[in-house]
Amino acid sequence: MEIRTARDEDWPLIHPFYARIVDEGRTYTLPEGLGMEEARPLWMEAPPWRTVVAVDGGRIAGTAKMGPSLPGRGA
């Protein structure tokens, strides 16, 4: 398995499982039904944020986003 920085071409492969997680409503406080273009800037943010993917056997097995702490309860 390789962990690498996410690329623009990864987003169409990330969005389906990202959307399922958001729609469940247990992890993120985002609205249900975010389309691919609406959701992209929420996950694939510019520096100082960083989005990575875990690639296993040529397919994206997972993703993570990291960046500065958020103020208040967003931390």
PDB file of N, CA and C in Angstrom:
ATOM      1  N   MET A   1       0.845  -1.173   0.000  1.00  0.00           N
ATOM      2  CA  MET A   1       0.000   0.000   0.000  1.00  0.00           C
ATOM      3  C   MET A   1       0.890   1.236   0.000  1.00  0.00           C
ATOM      4  N   GLU A   2       0.472   2.213  -0.781  1.00  0.00           N
ATOM      5  CA  GLU A   2       1.201   3.478  -0.881  1.00  0.00           C
ATOM      6  C   GLU A   2       0.294   4.608  -0.395  1.00  0.00           C
ATOM      7  N   ILE A   3       0.839   5.480   0.436  1.00  0.00           N
ATOM      8  CA  ILE A   3       0.143   6.702   0.849  1.00  0.00           C
ATOM      9  C   ILE A   3       0.790   7.849   0.084  1.00  0.00           C
ATOM     10  N   ARG A   4      -0.029   8.603  -0.654  1.00  0.00           N
ATOM     11  CA  ARG A   4       0.517   9.714  -1.439  1.00  0.00           C
ATOM     12  C   ARG A   4      -0.465  10.873  -1.436  1.00  0.00           C
ATOM     13  N   THR A   5       0.039  12.033  -1.833  1.00  0.00           N
ATOM     14  CA  THR A   5      -0.808  13.215  -1.959  1.00  0.00           C
ATOM     15  C   THR A   5      -1.878  12.961  -3.019  1.00  0.00           C
ATOM     16  N   ALA A   6      -3.108  13.336  -2.702  1.00  0.00           N
ATOM     17  CA  ALA A   6      -4.209  13.176  -3.654  1.00  0.00           C
ATOM     18  C   ALA A   6      -4.017  14.119  -4.835  1.00  0.00           C
ATOM     19  N   ARG A   7      -4.391  13.635  -6.001  1.00  0.00           N
ATOM     20  CA  ARG A   7      -4.306  14.417  -7.240  1.00  0.00           C
ATOM     21  C   ARG A   7      -5.717  14.732  -7.732  1.00  0.00           C
ATOM     22  N   ASP A   8      -5.811  15.709  -8.614  1.00  0.00           N
ATOM     23  CA  ASP A   8      -7.117  16.081  -9.173  1.00  0.00           C
ATOM     24  C   ASP A   8      -7.847  14.880  -9.758  1.00  0.00           C
ATOM     25  N   GLU A   9      -7.124  14.023 -10.437  1.00  0.00           N
ATOM     26  CA  GLU A   9      -7.766  12.871 -11.082  1.00  0.00           C
ATOM     27  C   GLU A   9      -8.247  11.815 -10.084  1.00  0.00           C
ATOM     28  N   ASP A  10      -7.864  11.940  -8.817  1.00  0.00           N
ATOM     29  CA  ASP A  10      -8.333  11.013  -7.782  1.00  0.00           C
ATOM     30  C   ASP A  10      -9.742  11.355  -7.299  1.00  0.00           C
ATOM     31  N   TRP A  11     -10.137  12.620  -7.420  1.00  0.00           N
ATOM     32  CA  TRP A  11     -11.404  13.041  -6.836  1.00  0.00           C
ATOM     33  C   TRP A  11     -12.605  12.232  -7.321  1.00  0.00           C
ATOM     34  N   PRO A  12     -12.757  11.923  -8.610  1.00  0.00           N
ATOM     35  CA  PRO A  12     -13.913  11.113  -9.019  1.00  0.00           C
ATOM     36  C   PRO A  12     -13.940   9.729  -8.361  1.00  0.00           C
ATOM     37  N   LEU A  13     -12.795   9.241  -7.920  1.00  0.00           N
ATOM     38  CA  LEU A  13     -12.737   7.948  -7.242  1.00  0.00           C
ATOM     39  C   LEU A  13     -12.966   8.087  -5.735  1.00  0.00           C
ATOM     40  N   ILE A  14     -12.646   9.238  -5.180  1.00  0.00           N
ATOM     41  CA  ILE A  14     -12.852   9.505  -3.755  1.00  0.00           C
ATOM     42  C   ILE A  14     -14.314   9.851  -3.477  1.00  0.00           C
ATOM     43  N   HIS A  15     -14.911  10.653  -4.334  1.00  0.00           N
ATOM     44  CA  HIS A  15     -16.245  11.197  -4.067  1.00  0.00           C
ATOM     45  C   HIS A  15     -17.303  10.154  -3.721  1.00  0.00           C
ATOM     46  N   PRO A  16     -17.404   9.017  -4.397  1.00  0.00           N
ATOM     47  CA  PRO A  16     -18.484   8.080  -4.049  1.00  0.00           C
ATOM     48  C   PRO A  16     -18.463   7.637  -2.584  1.00  0.00           C
ATOM     49  N   PHE A  17     -17.293   7.285  -2.058  1.00  0.00           N
ATOM     50  CA  PHE A  17     -17.303   6.848  -0.657  1.00  0.00           C
ATOM     51  C   PHE A  17     -17.322   8.036   0.302  1.00  0.00           C
ATOM     52  N   TYR A  18     -16.751   9.158  -0.082  1.00  0.00           N
ATOM     53  CA  TYR A  18     -16.848  10.376   0.732  1.00  0.00           C
ATOM     54  C   TYR A  18     -18.318  10.779   0.870  1.00  0.00           C
ATOM     55  N   ALA A  19     -19.056  10.762  -0.222  1.00  0.00           N
ATOM     56  CA  ALA A  19     -20.470  11.147  -0.207  1.00  0.00           C
ATOM     57  C   ALA A  19     -21.287  10.211   0.681  1.00  0.00           C
ATOM     58  N   ARG A  20     -21.002   8.911   0.648  1.00  0.00           N
ATOM     59  CA  ARG A  20     -21.722   7.968   1.512  1.00  0.00           C
ATOM     60  C   ARG A  20     -21.492   8.291   2.986  1.00  0.00           C
ATOM     61  N   ILE A  21     -20.236   8.592   3.331  1.00  0.00           N
ATOM     62  CA  ILE A  21     -19.898   8.914   4.723  1.00  0.00           C
ATOM     63  C   ILE A  21     -20.601  10.201   5.156  1.00  0.00           C
ATOM     64  N   VAL A  22     -20.556  11.228   4.314  1.00  0.00           N
ATOM     65  CA  VAL A  22     -21.226  12.494   4.637  1.00  0.00           C
ATOM     66  C   VAL A  22     -22.728  12.265   4.784  1.00  0.00           C
ATOM     67  N   ASP A  23     -23.325  11.523   3.865  1.00  0.00           N
ATOM     68  CA  ASP A  23     -24.768  11.305   3.879  1.00  0.00           C
ATOM     69  C   ASP A  23     -25.235  10.538   5.113  1.00  0.00           C
ATOM     70  N   GLU A  24     -24.374   9.692   5.697  1.00  0.00           N
ATOM     71  CA  GLU A  24     -24.739   8.972   6.924  1.00  0.00           C
ATOM     72  C   GLU A  24     -24.951   9.933   8.087  1.00  0.00           C
ATOM     73  N   GLY A  25     -24.272  11.082   8.051  1.00  0.00           N
ATOM     74  CA  GLY A  25     -24.469  12.107   9.065  1.00  0.00           C
ATOM     75  C   GLY A  25     -23.851  11.836  10.421  1.00  0.00           C
ATOM     76  N   ARG A  26     -22.988  10.839  10.528  1.00  0.00           N
ATOM     77  CA  ARG A  26     -22.384  10.514  11.827  1.00  0.00           C
ATOM     78  C   ARG A  26     -20.997  11.104  12.007  1.00  0.00           C
ATOM     79  N   THR A  27     -20.349  11.502  10.918  1.00  0.00           N
ATOM     80  CA  THR A  27     -18.967  11.973  10.993  1.00  0.00           C
ATOM     81  C   THR A  27     -18.843  13.457  10.698  1.00  0.00           C
ATOM     82  N   TYR A  28     -19.556  13.935   9.715  1.00  0.00           N
ATOM     83  CA  TYR A  28     -19.461  15.334   9.291  1.00  0.00           C
ATOM     84  C   TYR A  28     -20.815  16.018   9.433  1.00  0.00           C
ATOM     85  N   THR A  29     -20.793  17.315   9.675  1.00  0.00           N
ATOM     86  CA  THR A  29     -22.030  18.087   9.820  1.00  0.00           C
ATOM     87  C   THR A  29     -22.405  18.782   8.512  1.00  0.00           C
ATOM     88  N   LEU A  30     -22.080  18.153   7.418  1.00  0.00           N
ATOM     89  CA  LEU A  30     -22.367  18.704   6.089  1.00  0.00           C
ATOM     90  C   LEU A  30     -23.733  18.222   5.622  1.00  0.00           C
ATOM     91  N   PRO A  31     -24.365  18.950   4.708  1.00  0.00           N
ATOM     92  CA  PRO A  31     -25.675  18.521   4.217  1.00  0.00           C
ATOM     93  C   PRO A  31     -25.577  17.265   3.353  1.00  0.00           C
ATOM     94  N   GLU A  32     -26.655  16.503   3.348  1.00  0.00           N
ATOM     95  CA  GLU A  32     -26.735  15.313   2.494  1.00  0.00           C
ATOM     96  C   GLU A  32     -26.773  15.709   1.030  1.00  0.00           C
ATOM     97  N   GLY A  33     -26.364  14.778   0.180  1.00  0.00           N
ATOM     98  CA  GLY A  33     -26.520  14.942  -1.253  1.00  0.00           C
ATOM     99  C   GLY A  33     -25.582  15.922  -1.917  1.00  0.00           C
ATOM    100  N   LEU A  34     -24.413  16.156  -1.314  1.00  0.00           N
ATOM    101  CA  LEU A  34     -23.449  17.053  -1.961  1.00  0.00           C
ATOM    102  C   LEU A  34     -22.971  16.428  -3.269  1.00  0.00           C
ATOM    103  N   GLY A  35     -23.109  17.164  -4.342  1.00  0.00           N
ATOM    104  CA  GLY A  35     -22.628  16.696  -5.633  1.00  0.00           C
ATOM    105  C   GLY A  35     -21.112  16.723  -5.698  1.00  0.00           C
ATOM    106  N   MET A  36     -20.580  16.142  -6.739  1.00  0.00           N
ATOM    107  CA  MET A  36     -19.135  16.030  -6.881  1.00  0.00           C
ATOM    108  C   MET A  36     -18.456  17.395  -6.874  1.00  0.00           C
ATOM    109  N   GLU A  37     -19.010  18.364  -7.565  1.00  0.00           N
ATOM    110  CA  GLU A  37     -18.386  19.687  -7.628  1.00  0.00           C
ATOM    111  C   GLU A  37     -18.565  20.469  -6.327  1.00  0.00           C
ATOM    112  N   GLU A  38     -19.701  20.296  -5.660  1.00  0.00           N
ATOM    113  CA  GLU A  38     -19.927  20.971  -4.376  1.00  0.00           C
ATOM    114  C   GLU A  38     -18.998  20.433  -3.291  1.00  0.00           C
ATOM    115  N   ALA A  39     -18.802  19.140  -3.281  1.00  0.00           N
ATOM    116  CA  ALA A  39     -18.037  18.484  -2.219  1.00  0.00           C
ATOM    117  C   ALA A  39     -16.530  18.630  -2.394  1.00  0.00           C
ATOM    118  N   ARG A  40     -16.071  18.756  -3.618  1.00  0.00           N
ATOM    119  CA  ARG A  40     -14.628  18.762  -3.888  1.00  0.00           C
ATOM    120  C   ARG A  40     -13.851  19.780  -3.056  1.00  0.00           C
ATOM    121  N   PRO A  41     -14.238  21.059  -3.032  1.00  0.00           N
ATOM    122  CA  PRO A  41     -13.439  22.014  -2.258  1.00  0.00           C
ATOM    123  C   PRO A  41     -13.502  21.779  -0.750  1.00  0.00           C
ATOM    124  N   LEU A  42     -14.469  21.013  -0.286  1.00  0.00           N
ATOM    125  CA  LEU A  42     -14.561  20.709   1.141  1.00  0.00           C
ATOM    126  C   LEU A  42     -13.559  19.635   1.556  1.00  0.00           C
ATOM    127  N   TRP A  43     -13.140  18.799   0.607  1.00  0.00           N
ATOM    128  CA  TRP A  43     -12.200  17.716   0.907  1.00  0.00           C
ATOM    129  C   TRP A  43     -10.826  17.964   0.297  1.00  0.00           C
ATOM    130  N   MET A  44     -10.777  18.445  -0.909  1.00  0.00           N
ATOM    131  CA  MET A  44      -9.510  18.656  -1.617  1.00  0.00           C
ATOM    132  C   MET A  44      -9.098  20.123  -1.447  1.00  0.00           C
ATOM    133  N   GLU A  45      -8.786  20.513  -0.220  1.00  0.00           N
ATOM    134  CA  GLU A  45      -8.484  21.909   0.085  1.00  0.00           C
ATOM    135  C   GLU A  45      -7.044  22.272  -0.263  1.00  0.00           C
ATOM    136  N   ALA A  46      -6.833  23.561  -0.452  1.00  0.00           N
ATOM    137  CA  ALA A  46      -5.498  24.093  -0.773  1.00  0.00           C
ATOM    138  C   ALA A  46      -4.640  24.154   0.493  1.00  0.00           C
ATOM    139  N   PRO A  47      -3.308  24.211   0.319  1.00  0.00           N
ATOM    140  CA  PRO A  47      -2.418  24.350   1.478  1.00  0.00           C
ATOM    141  C   PRO A  47      -2.837  25.559   2.321  1.00  0.00           C
ATOM    142  N   PRO A  48      -2.689  25.449   3.625  1.00  0.00           N
ATOM    143  CA  PRO A  48      -1.873  24.487   4.355  1.00  0.00           C
ATOM    144  C   PRO A  48      -2.541  23.141   4.588  1.00  0.00           C
ATOM    145  N   TRP A  49      -3.742  22.928   4.064  1.00  0.00           N
ATOM    146  CA  TRP A  49      -4.385  21.618   4.165  1.00  0.00           C
ATOM    147  C   TRP A  49      -3.705  20.631   3.231  1.00  0.00           C
ATOM    148  N   ARG A  50      -3.835  19.362   3.548  1.00  0.00           N
ATOM    149  CA  ARG A  50      -3.253  18.312   2.704  1.00  0.00           C
ATOM    150  C   ARG A  50      -4.212  17.127   2.682  1.00  0.00           C
ATOM    151  N   THR A  51      -4.486  16.628   1.498  1.00  0.00           N
ATOM    152  CA  THR A  51      -5.319  15.442   1.325  1.00  0.00           C
ATOM    153  C   THR A  51      -4.446  14.345   0.755  1.00  0.00           C
ATOM    154  N   VAL A  52      -4.553  13.157   1.335  1.00  0.00           N
ATOM    155  CA  VAL A  52      -3.781  12.011   0.869  1.00  0.00           C
ATOM    156  C   VAL A  52      -4.732  10.878   0.513  1.00  0.00           C
ATOM    157  N   VAL A  53      -4.221   9.949  -0.273  1.00  0.00           N
ATOM    158  CA  VAL A  53      -4.953   8.729  -0.591  1.00  0.00           C
ATOM    159  C   VAL A  53      -4.075   7.528  -0.269  1.00  0.00           C
ATOM    160  N   ALA A  54      -4.725   6.441   0.090  1.00  0.00           N
ATOM    161  CA  ALA A  54      -4.057   5.154   0.257  1.00  0.00           C
ATOM    162  C   ALA A  54      -4.372   4.347  -0.994  1.00  0.00           C
ATOM    163  N   VAL A  55      -3.338   3.961  -1.719  1.00  0.00           N
ATOM    164  CA  VAL A  55      -3.508   3.222  -2.968  1.00  0.00           C
ATOM    165  C   VAL A  55      -3.034   1.791  -2.741  1.00  0.00           C
ATOM    166  N   ASP A  56      -3.908   0.837  -3.018  1.00  0.00           N
ATOM    167  CA  ASP A  56      -3.596  -0.578  -2.824  1.00  0.00           C
ATOM    168  C   ASP A  56      -3.956  -1.332  -4.097  1.00  0.00           C
ATOM    169  N   GLY A  57      -2.965  -1.916  -4.711  1.00  0.00           N
ATOM    170  CA  GLY A  57      -3.220  -2.660  -5.940  1.00  0.00           C
ATOM    171  C   GLY A  57      -3.774  -1.796  -7.053  1.00  0.00           C
ATOM    172  N   GLY A  58      -3.379  -0.531  -7.098  1.00  0.00           N
ATOM    173  CA  GLY A  58      -3.825   0.362  -8.155  1.00  0.00           C
ATOM    174  C   GLY A  58      -5.173   1.018  -7.916  1.00  0.00           C
ATOM    175  N   ARG A  59      -5.813   0.727  -6.787  1.00  0.00           N
ATOM    176  CA  ARG A  59      -7.110   1.360  -6.505  1.00  0.00           C
ATOM    177  C   ARG A  59      -7.027   2.149  -5.209  1.00  0.00           C
ATOM    178  N   ILE A  60      -7.836   3.181  -5.111  1.00  0.00           N
ATOM    179  CA  ILE A  60      -7.857   4.012  -3.909  1.00  0.00           C
ATOM    180  C   ILE A  60      -8.663   3.289  -2.836  1.00  0.00           C
ATOM    181  N   ALA A  61      -7.971   2.963  -1.749  1.00  0.00           N
ATOM    182  CA  ALA A  61      -8.589   2.221  -0.654  1.00  0.00           C
ATOM    183  C   ALA A  61      -9.052   3.136   0.478  1.00  0.00           C
ATOM    184  N   GLY A  62      -8.566   4.375   0.495  1.00  0.00           N
ATOM    185  CA  GLY A  62      -8.946   5.305   1.551  1.00  0.00           C
ATOM    186  C   GLY A  62      -8.370   6.675   1.297  1.00  0.00           C
ATOM    187  N   THR A  63      -8.779   7.621   2.111  1.00  0.00           N
ATOM    188  CA  THR A  63      -8.311   8.996   1.986  1.00  0.00           C
ATOM    189  C   THR A  63      -8.335   9.654   3.356  1.00  0.00           C
ATOM    190  N   ALA A  64      -7.528  10.674   3.518  1.00  0.00           N
ATOM    191  CA  ALA A  64      -7.496  11.448   4.763  1.00  0.00           C
ATOM    192  C   ALA A  64      -7.148  12.884   4.424  1.00  0.00           C
ATOM    193  N   LYS A  65      -7.618  13.782   5.285  1.00  0.00           N
ATOM    194  CA  LYS A  65      -7.336  15.204   5.112  1.00  0.00           C
ATOM    195  C   LYS A  65      -6.759  15.717   6.417  1.00  0.00           C
ATOM    196  N   MET A  66      -5.740  16.556   6.317  1.00  0.00           N
ATOM    197  CA  MET A  66      -5.143  17.131   7.520  1.00  0.00           C
ATOM    198  C   MET A  66      -4.832  18.594   7.287  1.00  0.00           C
ATOM    199  N   GLY A  67      -4.791  19.336   8.378  1.00  0.00           N
ATOM    200  CA  GLY A  67      -4.499  20.757   8.292  1.00  0.00           C
ATOM    201  C   GLY A  67      -4.471  21.373   9.670  1.00  0.00           C
ATOM    202  N   PRO A  68      -4.437  22.699   9.721  1.00  0.00           N
ATOM    203  CA  PRO A  68      -4.362  23.382  11.008  1.00  0.00           C
ATOM    204  C   PRO A  68      -5.602  23.112  11.858  1.00  0.00           C
ATOM    205  N   SER A  69      -5.424  23.203  13.155  1.00  0.00           N
ATOM    206  CA  SER A  69      -6.563  23.056  14.067  1.00  0.00           C
ATOM    207  C   SER A  69      -7.583  24.149  13.790  1.00  0.00           C
ATOM    208  N   LEU A  70      -8.833  23.803  13.954  1.00  0.00           N
ATOM    209  CA  LEU A  70      -9.921  24.757  13.767  1.00  0.00           C
ATOM    210  C   LEU A  70     -10.255  25.405  15.105  1.00  0.00           C
ATOM    211  N   PRO A  71     -10.797  26.603  15.095  1.00  0.00           N
ATOM    212  CA  PRO A  71     -11.103  27.269  16.357  1.00  0.00           C
ATOM    213  C   PRO A  71     -12.293  26.632  17.074  1.00  0.00           C
ATOM    214  N   GLY A  72     -12.336  26.807  18.364  1.00  0.00           N
ATOM    215  CA  GLY A  72     -13.478  26.363  19.159  1.00  0.00           C
ATOM    216  C   GLY A  72     -13.727  24.881  19.058  1.00  0.00           C
ATOM    217  N   ARG A  73     -14.963  24.512  18.853  1.00  0.00           N
ATOM    218  CA  ARG A  73     -15.339  23.097  18.805  1.00  0.00           C
ATOM    219  C   ARG A  73     -14.977  22.427  17.493  1.00  0.00           C
ATOM    220  N   GLY A  74     -14.454  23.179  16.554  1.00  0.00           N
ATOM    221  CA  GLY A  74     -14.046  22.595  15.280  1.00  0.00           C
ATOM    222  C   GLY A  74     -12.708  21.900  15.359  1.00  0.00           C
ATOM    223  N   ALA A  75     -12.011  22.022  16.496  1.00  0.00           N
ATOM    224  CA  ALA A  75     -10.665  21.462  16.633  1.00  0.00           C
ATOM    225  C   ALA A  75     -10.678  19.958  16.675  1.00  0.00           C
TER     226      ALA A  75
END
